Amino acid sequence: MGAIDESDVIAVYDQWCAAFQAVDGGAMKRLFDQGSDGLIYQSEENADPMYTWAEIDAYWSGAPEIVDRIPEWRELSRKIAILDDTAFVYAKLQTHLEITGAKRPLVGQLRVSIGLHRRDGEWKIVHYHESRHVDLAFLFED
C-alpha cells in the first residue's frame, strides 16, 4: 500500500474551518457522513454528545441564531494522522466568538478533534469534539 496523501484530509479540515468561521450550517452539514451509525458530536457548550444526524442537523441549523460572528480564528497547532480509510485531525485554535445576547465574547483557545472516514473515495466527518483548557492549579493552592 502506498502513502496516503494528506491533501484530501486537509481540504476537508479547511472546509470545516471556513464553515465554522462563517457560521454556515449548510456548508458544515455537507462535510458529515449523514448516514453513518457512528456519529459523535461533542460541542463545548453541551454536557452530552449528539449521536444522531437529526441532532447534528438541528444544532447546525440553529447555530447562526446563536453565534453572531467570529472575528478571530487562528490556528496555533495542528496534527493529522491517517490510517487506511480513517483520519484524525487535532487542532488548537485561538478564537473569539460573539454570542447573540451575551454580555461578553467567548475568547480563548479551542481544542478540536475531528475524526473522518473515507467512504466511496470521499473523506467525511463522523466524530467531532471540542473543548477548552481548564487550569487545575487551583486544586493545589492553599
N, C-alpha and C. Protein backbone atom coordinates (compact mmCIF):
# COMPACT_ATOMS: atom_id res chain seq x y z
N MET A 1 0.85 -1.18 0.00
CA MET A 1 0.00 0.00 0.00
C MET A 1 0.89 1.24 0.00
N GLY A 2 0.57 2.20 -0.83
CA GLY A 2 1.35 3.42 -0.92
C GLY A 2 0.97 4.42 0.16
N ALA A 3 1.76 5.47 0.27
CA ALA A 3 1.49 6.51 1.25
C ALA A 3 0.19 7.23 0.91
N ILE A 4 -0.54 7.59 1.94
CA ILE A 4 -1.80 8.30 1.75
C ILE A 4 -1.51 9.80 1.72
N ASP A 5 -2.07 10.46 0.74
CA ASP A 5 -1.90 11.89 0.57
C ASP A 5 -2.78 12.63 1.58
N GLU A 6 -2.15 13.46 2.41
CA GLU A 6 -2.89 14.23 3.41
C GLU A 6 -3.75 15.33 2.80
N SER A 7 -3.50 15.69 1.57
CA SER A 7 -4.14 16.88 1.00
C SER A 7 -5.67 16.80 1.00
N ASP A 8 -6.23 15.61 0.79
CA ASP A 8 -7.69 15.49 0.80
C ASP A 8 -8.27 15.70 2.21
N VAL A 9 -7.56 15.20 3.22
CA VAL A 9 -7.99 15.40 4.60
C VAL A 9 -7.84 16.87 4.98
N ILE A 10 -6.73 17.48 4.59
CA ILE A 10 -6.53 18.91 4.86
C ILE A 10 -7.61 19.74 4.17
N ALA A 11 -8.02 19.35 2.97
CA ALA A 11 -9.08 20.08 2.27
C ALA A 11 -10.38 20.04 3.06
N VAL A 12 -10.73 18.89 3.64
CA VAL A 12 -11.95 18.81 4.45
C VAL A 12 -11.79 19.66 5.71
N TYR A 13 -10.63 19.60 6.34
CA TYR A 13 -10.36 20.44 7.52
C TYR A 13 -10.50 21.92 7.17
N ASP A 14 -9.93 22.33 6.05
CA ASP A 14 -10.03 23.73 5.63
C ASP A 14 -11.49 24.13 5.37
N GLN A 15 -12.26 23.22 4.79
CA GLN A 15 -13.69 23.50 4.57
C GLN A 15 -14.42 23.60 5.90
N TRP A 16 -14.04 22.74 6.86
CA TRP A 16 -14.64 22.81 8.20
C TRP A 16 -14.33 24.16 8.84
N CYS A 17 -13.06 24.59 8.76
CA CYS A 17 -12.67 25.90 9.32
C CYS A 17 -13.50 27.02 8.70
N ALA A 18 -13.62 27.02 7.38
CA ALA A 18 -14.36 28.07 6.68
C ALA A 18 -15.83 28.06 7.07
N ALA A 19 -16.43 26.88 7.15
CA ALA A 19 -17.85 26.78 7.53
C ALA A 19 -18.06 27.25 8.96
N PHE A 20 -17.16 26.87 9.85
CA PHE A 20 -17.28 27.27 11.26
C PHE A 20 -17.16 28.79 11.38
N GLN A 21 -16.11 29.36 10.76
CA GLN A 21 -15.87 30.80 10.85
C GLN A 21 -17.03 31.61 10.29
N ALA A 22 -17.66 31.11 9.24
CA ALA A 22 -18.79 31.80 8.61
C ALA A 22 -20.11 31.45 9.26
N VAL A 23 -20.09 30.54 10.23
CA VAL A 23 -21.30 30.01 10.86
C VAL A 23 -22.28 29.59 9.76
N ASP A 24 -21.76 28.81 8.83
CA ASP A 24 -22.52 28.36 7.66
C ASP A 24 -22.96 26.92 7.89
N GLY A 25 -24.17 26.77 8.42
CA GLY A 25 -24.69 25.45 8.74
C GLY A 25 -24.78 24.53 7.55
N GLY A 26 -25.20 25.05 6.42
CA GLY A 26 -25.31 24.22 5.22
C GLY A 26 -23.97 23.65 4.79
N ALA A 27 -22.95 24.51 4.75
CA ALA A 27 -21.61 24.05 4.37
C ALA A 27 -21.08 23.05 5.39
N MET A 28 -21.31 23.31 6.67
CA MET A 28 -20.84 22.40 7.71
C MET A 28 -21.50 21.03 7.58
N LYS A 29 -22.79 21.01 7.38
CA LYS A 29 -23.52 19.74 7.33
C LYS A 29 -23.09 18.87 6.14
N ARG A 30 -22.67 19.49 5.06
CA ARG A 30 -22.22 18.73 3.88
C ARG A 30 -20.92 17.97 4.15
N LEU A 31 -20.19 18.33 5.19
CA LEU A 31 -18.92 17.69 5.50
C LEU A 31 -19.08 16.38 6.27
N PHE A 32 -20.27 16.10 6.77
CA PHE A 32 -20.51 14.93 7.60
C PHE A 32 -21.02 13.75 6.79
N ASP A 33 -20.72 12.55 7.28
CA ASP A 33 -21.33 11.34 6.73
C ASP A 33 -22.68 11.21 7.42
N GLN A 34 -23.68 11.81 6.83
CA GLN A 34 -25.00 11.92 7.44
C GLN A 34 -25.68 10.57 7.64
N GLY A 35 -25.25 9.56 6.91
CA GLY A 35 -25.86 8.24 7.03
C GLY A 35 -25.13 7.30 7.98
N SER A 36 -24.05 7.78 8.60
CA SER A 36 -23.27 6.92 9.48
C SER A 36 -24.01 6.63 10.78
N ASP A 37 -23.91 5.38 11.22
CA ASP A 37 -24.48 5.00 12.52
C ASP A 37 -23.52 5.30 13.66
N GLY A 38 -22.32 5.77 13.34
CA GLY A 38 -21.31 6.00 14.36
C GLY A 38 -21.02 7.46 14.63
N LEU A 39 -21.95 8.35 14.37
CA LEU A 39 -21.71 9.79 14.58
C LEU A 39 -21.57 10.11 16.06
N ILE A 40 -20.60 10.99 16.35
CA ILE A 40 -20.43 11.53 17.70
C ILE A 40 -20.05 12.99 17.52
N TYR A 41 -20.80 13.90 18.16
CA TYR A 41 -20.53 15.33 18.05
C TYR A 41 -20.63 15.93 19.45
N GLN A 42 -19.50 16.36 20.00
CA GLN A 42 -19.47 16.96 21.33
C GLN A 42 -19.04 18.41 21.22
N SER A 43 -19.99 19.32 21.35
CA SER A 43 -19.66 20.74 21.38
C SER A 43 -19.34 21.12 22.83
N GLU A 44 -18.60 22.20 23.00
CA GLU A 44 -18.18 22.57 24.34
C GLU A 44 -19.34 23.04 25.22
N GLU A 45 -20.39 23.55 24.63
CA GLU A 45 -21.49 24.10 25.44
C GLU A 45 -22.52 23.05 25.85
N ASN A 46 -22.45 21.87 25.26
CA ASN A 46 -23.42 20.82 25.61
C ASN A 46 -22.77 19.81 26.54
N ALA A 47 -23.49 19.43 27.58
CA ALA A 47 -22.95 18.48 28.56
C ALA A 47 -22.75 17.10 27.96
N ASP A 48 -23.60 16.72 27.02
CA ASP A 48 -23.53 15.39 26.42
C ASP A 48 -23.40 15.49 24.91
N PRO A 49 -22.81 14.47 24.30
CA PRO A 49 -22.65 14.49 22.84
C PRO A 49 -23.95 14.19 22.10
N MET A 50 -23.95 14.56 20.84
CA MET A 50 -25.04 14.20 19.93
C MET A 50 -24.59 12.96 19.17
N TYR A 51 -25.50 12.01 19.01
CA TYR A 51 -25.16 10.75 18.36
C TYR A 51 -25.93 10.50 17.06
N THR A 52 -26.87 11.35 16.73
CA THR A 52 -27.67 11.12 15.52
C THR A 52 -27.52 12.29 14.55
N TRP A 53 -27.77 11.98 13.28
CA TRP A 53 -27.72 13.05 12.29
C TRP A 53 -28.80 14.09 12.58
N ALA A 54 -29.97 13.68 13.03
CA ALA A 54 -31.05 14.63 13.32
C ALA A 54 -30.59 15.67 14.35
N GLU A 55 -29.85 15.23 15.38
CA GLU A 55 -29.36 16.16 16.41
C GLU A 55 -28.32 17.12 15.84
N ILE A 56 -27.38 16.59 15.07
CA ILE A 56 -26.33 17.44 14.48
C ILE A 56 -26.93 18.41 13.47
N ASP A 57 -27.88 17.94 12.69
CA ASP A 57 -28.57 18.78 11.71
C ASP A 57 -29.27 19.95 12.41
N ALA A 58 -29.99 19.65 13.48
CA ALA A 58 -30.70 20.70 14.23
C ALA A 58 -29.71 21.68 14.86
N TYR A 59 -28.62 21.17 15.38
CA TYR A 59 -27.60 22.01 16.01
C TYR A 59 -27.05 23.03 15.01
N TRP A 60 -26.65 22.56 13.82
CA TRP A 60 -26.07 23.48 12.84
C TRP A 60 -27.13 24.32 12.13
N SER A 61 -28.36 23.88 12.11
CA SER A 61 -29.43 24.73 11.56
C SER A 61 -29.67 25.93 12.47
N GLY A 62 -29.49 25.74 13.78
CA GLY A 62 -29.72 26.82 14.74
C GLY A 62 -28.49 27.66 15.07
N ALA A 63 -27.32 27.22 14.67
CA ALA A 63 -26.08 27.91 15.03
C ALA A 63 -26.05 29.39 14.62
N PRO A 64 -26.52 29.76 13.42
CA PRO A 64 -26.47 31.19 13.05
C PRO A 64 -27.32 32.09 13.95
N GLU A 65 -28.29 31.53 14.63
CA GLU A 65 -29.10 32.32 15.56
C GLU A 65 -28.39 32.53 16.88
N ILE A 66 -27.41 31.68 17.20
CA ILE A 66 -26.70 31.75 18.47
C ILE A 66 -25.38 32.49 18.35
N VAL A 67 -24.62 32.18 17.32
CA VAL A 67 -23.31 32.82 17.11
C VAL A 67 -23.49 33.98 16.14
N ASP A 68 -23.24 35.17 16.65
CA ASP A 68 -23.39 36.38 15.83
C ASP A 68 -22.26 36.49 14.81
N ARG A 69 -21.03 36.31 15.29
CA ARG A 69 -19.87 36.39 14.40
C ARG A 69 -18.64 35.85 15.11
N ILE A 70 -17.61 35.56 14.32
CA ILE A 70 -16.35 35.05 14.84
C ILE A 70 -15.23 35.93 14.28
N PRO A 71 -14.89 37.02 15.01
CA PRO A 71 -13.89 37.95 14.49
C PRO A 71 -12.45 37.44 14.55
N GLU A 72 -12.18 36.42 15.38
CA GLU A 72 -10.82 35.87 15.41
C GLU A 72 -10.88 34.35 15.34
N TRP A 73 -10.04 33.79 14.48
CA TRP A 73 -9.91 32.35 14.29
C TRP A 73 -8.50 32.13 13.78
N ARG A 74 -7.63 31.65 14.65
CA ARG A 74 -6.23 31.49 14.26
C ARG A 74 -5.74 30.11 14.71
N GLU A 75 -5.17 29.37 13.79
CA GLU A 75 -4.65 28.05 14.12
C GLU A 75 -3.32 28.20 14.84
N LEU A 76 -3.21 27.57 16.01
CA LEU A 76 -1.98 27.58 16.78
C LEU A 76 -1.16 26.31 16.53
N SER A 77 -1.85 25.20 16.35
CA SER A 77 -1.16 23.95 16.03
C SER A 77 -2.14 22.99 15.38
N ARG A 78 -1.56 22.00 14.68
CA ARG A 78 -2.40 21.00 14.01
C ARG A 78 -1.59 19.73 13.80
N LYS A 79 -2.23 18.61 13.98
CA LYS A 79 -1.62 17.30 13.73
C LYS A 79 -2.64 16.44 13.01
N ILE A 80 -2.17 15.74 11.98
CA ILE A 80 -3.03 14.85 11.19
C ILE A 80 -2.45 13.45 11.24
N ALA A 81 -3.31 12.48 11.48
CA ALA A 81 -2.92 11.07 11.44
C ALA A 81 -3.88 10.34 10.52
N ILE A 82 -3.34 9.55 9.61
CA ILE A 82 -4.17 8.80 8.66
C ILE A 82 -3.79 7.33 8.75
N LEU A 83 -4.81 6.49 8.93
CA LEU A 83 -4.64 5.05 8.98
C LEU A 83 -5.65 4.43 8.01
N ASP A 84 -5.18 4.05 6.86
CA ASP A 84 -6.06 3.47 5.84
C ASP A 84 -7.20 4.43 5.51
N ASP A 85 -8.44 4.04 5.82
CA ASP A 85 -9.61 4.86 5.48
C ASP A 85 -10.14 5.66 6.68
N THR A 86 -9.27 5.87 7.67
CA THR A 86 -9.63 6.64 8.86
C THR A 86 -8.60 7.74 9.05
N ALA A 87 -9.05 8.93 9.39
CA ALA A 87 -8.13 10.05 9.63
C ALA A 87 -8.58 10.82 10.86
N PHE A 88 -7.59 11.38 11.53
CA PHE A 88 -7.85 12.21 12.70
C PHE A 88 -7.13 13.53 12.52
N VAL A 89 -7.83 14.60 12.86
CA VAL A 89 -7.22 15.92 12.85
C VAL A 89 -7.37 16.50 14.25
N TYR A 90 -6.26 16.93 14.81
CA TYR A 90 -6.29 17.66 16.08
C TYR A 90 -5.82 19.07 15.76
N ALA A 91 -6.52 20.05 16.30
CA ALA A 91 -6.09 21.43 16.12
C ALA A 91 -6.33 22.22 17.40
N LYS A 92 -5.43 23.14 17.65
CA LYS A 92 -5.63 24.12 18.73
C LYS A 92 -5.78 25.47 18.05
N LEU A 93 -6.85 26.17 18.38
CA LEU A 93 -7.19 27.42 17.72
C LEU A 93 -7.34 28.54 18.74
N GLN A 94 -6.95 29.74 18.37
CA GLN A 94 -7.26 30.92 19.17
C GLN A 94 -8.53 31.50 18.57
N THR A 95 -9.58 31.60 19.38
CA THR A 95 -10.87 32.03 18.85
C THR A 95 -11.46 33.18 19.66
N HIS A 96 -12.34 33.89 19.00
CA HIS A 96 -13.13 34.97 19.60
C HIS A 96 -14.51 34.85 18.98
N LEU A 97 -15.48 34.43 19.79
CA LEU A 97 -16.84 34.25 19.30
C LEU A 97 -17.76 35.28 19.95
N GLU A 98 -18.54 35.95 19.14
CA GLU A 98 -19.56 36.88 19.62
C GLU A 98 -20.88 36.10 19.65
N ILE A 99 -21.41 35.90 20.86
CA ILE A 99 -22.62 35.11 21.06
C ILE A 99 -23.81 36.05 21.18
N THR A 100 -24.86 35.79 20.46
CA THR A 100 -26.06 36.64 20.47
C THR A 100 -26.61 36.73 21.89
N GLY A 101 -26.78 37.95 22.37
CA GLY A 101 -27.34 38.19 23.70
C GLY A 101 -26.36 38.10 24.85
N ALA A 102 -25.11 37.68 24.59
CA ALA A 102 -24.12 37.55 25.66
C ALA A 102 -23.55 38.93 26.01
N LYS A 103 -23.19 39.10 27.27
CA LYS A 103 -22.63 40.37 27.72
C LYS A 103 -21.16 40.51 27.37
N ARG A 104 -20.50 39.39 27.09
CA ARG A 104 -19.10 39.43 26.71
C ARG A 104 -18.81 38.29 25.73
N PRO A 105 -17.74 38.43 24.97
CA PRO A 105 -17.40 37.39 23.99
C PRO A 105 -16.78 36.16 24.65
N LEU A 106 -16.77 35.08 23.92
CA LEU A 106 -16.08 33.86 24.33
C LEU A 106 -14.73 33.88 23.62
N VAL A 107 -13.68 34.15 24.39
CA VAL A 107 -12.35 34.32 23.84
C VAL A 107 -11.41 33.30 24.48
N GLY A 108 -10.58 32.67 23.68
CA GLY A 108 -9.59 31.75 24.24
C GLY A 108 -9.23 30.68 23.25
N GLN A 109 -8.50 29.70 23.79
CA GLN A 109 -8.04 28.60 22.95
C GLN A 109 -9.08 27.49 22.91
N LEU A 110 -9.37 27.04 21.72
CA LEU A 110 -10.31 25.95 21.48
C LEU A 110 -9.52 24.76 20.95
N ARG A 111 -9.72 23.60 21.58
CA ARG A 111 -9.07 22.37 21.13
C ARG A 111 -10.13 21.53 20.42
N VAL A 112 -9.80 21.04 19.23
CA VAL A 112 -10.76 20.24 18.48
C VAL A 112 -10.11 18.96 17.97
N SER A 113 -10.90 17.90 17.99
CA SER A 113 -10.53 16.63 17.37
C SER A 113 -11.61 16.29 16.37
N ILE A 114 -11.19 15.97 15.16
CA ILE A 114 -12.12 15.63 14.09
C ILE A 114 -11.74 14.25 13.57
N GLY A 115 -12.69 13.34 13.60
CA GLY A 115 -12.47 12.01 13.06
C GLY A 115 -13.20 11.88 11.73
N LEU A 116 -12.49 11.39 10.74
CA LEU A 116 -13.06 11.23 9.40
C LEU A 116 -12.89 9.79 8.94
N HIS A 117 -13.75 9.39 8.04
CA HIS A 117 -13.52 8.13 7.35
C HIS A 117 -13.76 8.35 5.86
N ARG A 118 -13.13 7.48 5.08
CA ARG A 118 -13.26 7.61 3.64
C ARG A 118 -14.29 6.58 3.18
N ARG A 119 -15.33 7.10 2.56
CA ARG A 119 -16.39 6.25 2.02
C ARG A 119 -16.61 6.66 0.57
N ASP A 120 -16.57 5.68 -0.30
CA ASP A 120 -16.74 5.92 -1.74
C ASP A 120 -15.77 6.98 -2.25
N GLY A 121 -14.54 6.96 -1.71
CA GLY A 121 -13.50 7.86 -2.18
C GLY A 121 -13.54 9.25 -1.59
N GLU A 122 -14.49 9.55 -0.71
CA GLU A 122 -14.62 10.88 -0.10
C GLU A 122 -14.39 10.82 1.40
N TRP A 123 -13.66 11.78 1.92
CA TRP A 123 -13.47 11.90 3.36
C TRP A 123 -14.66 12.65 3.95
N LYS A 124 -15.26 12.06 4.98
CA LYS A 124 -16.41 12.66 5.66
C LYS A 124 -16.19 12.61 7.16
N ILE A 125 -16.71 13.60 7.86
CA ILE A 125 -16.59 13.67 9.31
C ILE A 125 -17.61 12.73 9.96
N VAL A 126 -17.14 11.96 10.94
CA VAL A 126 -18.03 11.11 11.73
C VAL A 126 -17.88 11.37 13.23
N HIS A 127 -16.82 12.06 13.60
CA HIS A 127 -16.56 12.34 15.02
C HIS A 127 -16.06 13.77 15.15
N TYR A 128 -16.57 14.48 16.16
CA TYR A 128 -16.11 15.84 16.43
C TYR A 128 -16.16 16.07 17.92
N HIS A 129 -15.10 16.66 18.47
CA HIS A 129 -15.06 17.01 19.89
C HIS A 129 -14.32 18.33 20.04
N GLU A 130 -14.89 19.23 20.82
CA GLU A 130 -14.23 20.50 21.11
C GLU A 130 -14.23 20.73 22.61
N SER A 131 -13.16 21.37 23.08
CA SER A 131 -13.06 21.69 24.50
C SER A 131 -12.11 22.85 24.68
N ARG A 132 -12.19 23.42 25.85
CA ARG A 132 -11.26 24.47 26.25
C ARG A 132 -10.46 23.96 27.43
N HIS A 133 -9.24 24.42 27.56
CA HIS A 133 -8.37 24.01 28.64
C HIS A 133 -8.91 24.54 29.98
N VAL A 134 -8.91 23.69 30.96
CA VAL A 134 -9.29 24.09 32.32
C VAL A 134 -8.04 24.03 33.17
N ASP A 135 -7.66 25.15 33.76
CA ASP A 135 -6.48 25.20 34.61
C ASP A 135 -6.84 24.59 35.97
N LEU A 136 -6.18 23.51 36.33
CA LEU A 136 -6.46 22.82 37.58
C LEU A 136 -5.52 23.21 38.71
N ALA A 137 -4.71 24.25 38.51
CA ALA A 137 -3.76 24.68 39.53
C ALA A 137 -4.47 25.03 40.86
N PHE A 138 -5.69 25.53 40.78
CA PHE A 138 -6.41 25.92 42.00
C PHE A 138 -6.63 24.73 42.94
N LEU A 139 -6.59 23.52 42.42
CA LEU A 139 -6.78 22.33 43.25
C LEU A 139 -5.64 22.14 44.25
N PHE A 140 -4.49 22.74 43.95
CA PHE A 140 -3.31 22.56 44.77
C PHE A 140 -2.93 23.82 45.55
N GLU A 141 -3.75 24.85 45.45
CA GLU A 141 -3.48 26.09 46.17
C GLU A 141 -4.04 26.03 47.57
N ASP A 142 -3.38 26.75 48.49
CA ASP A 142 -3.89 26.84 49.87
C ASP A 142 -5.02 27.82 49.98
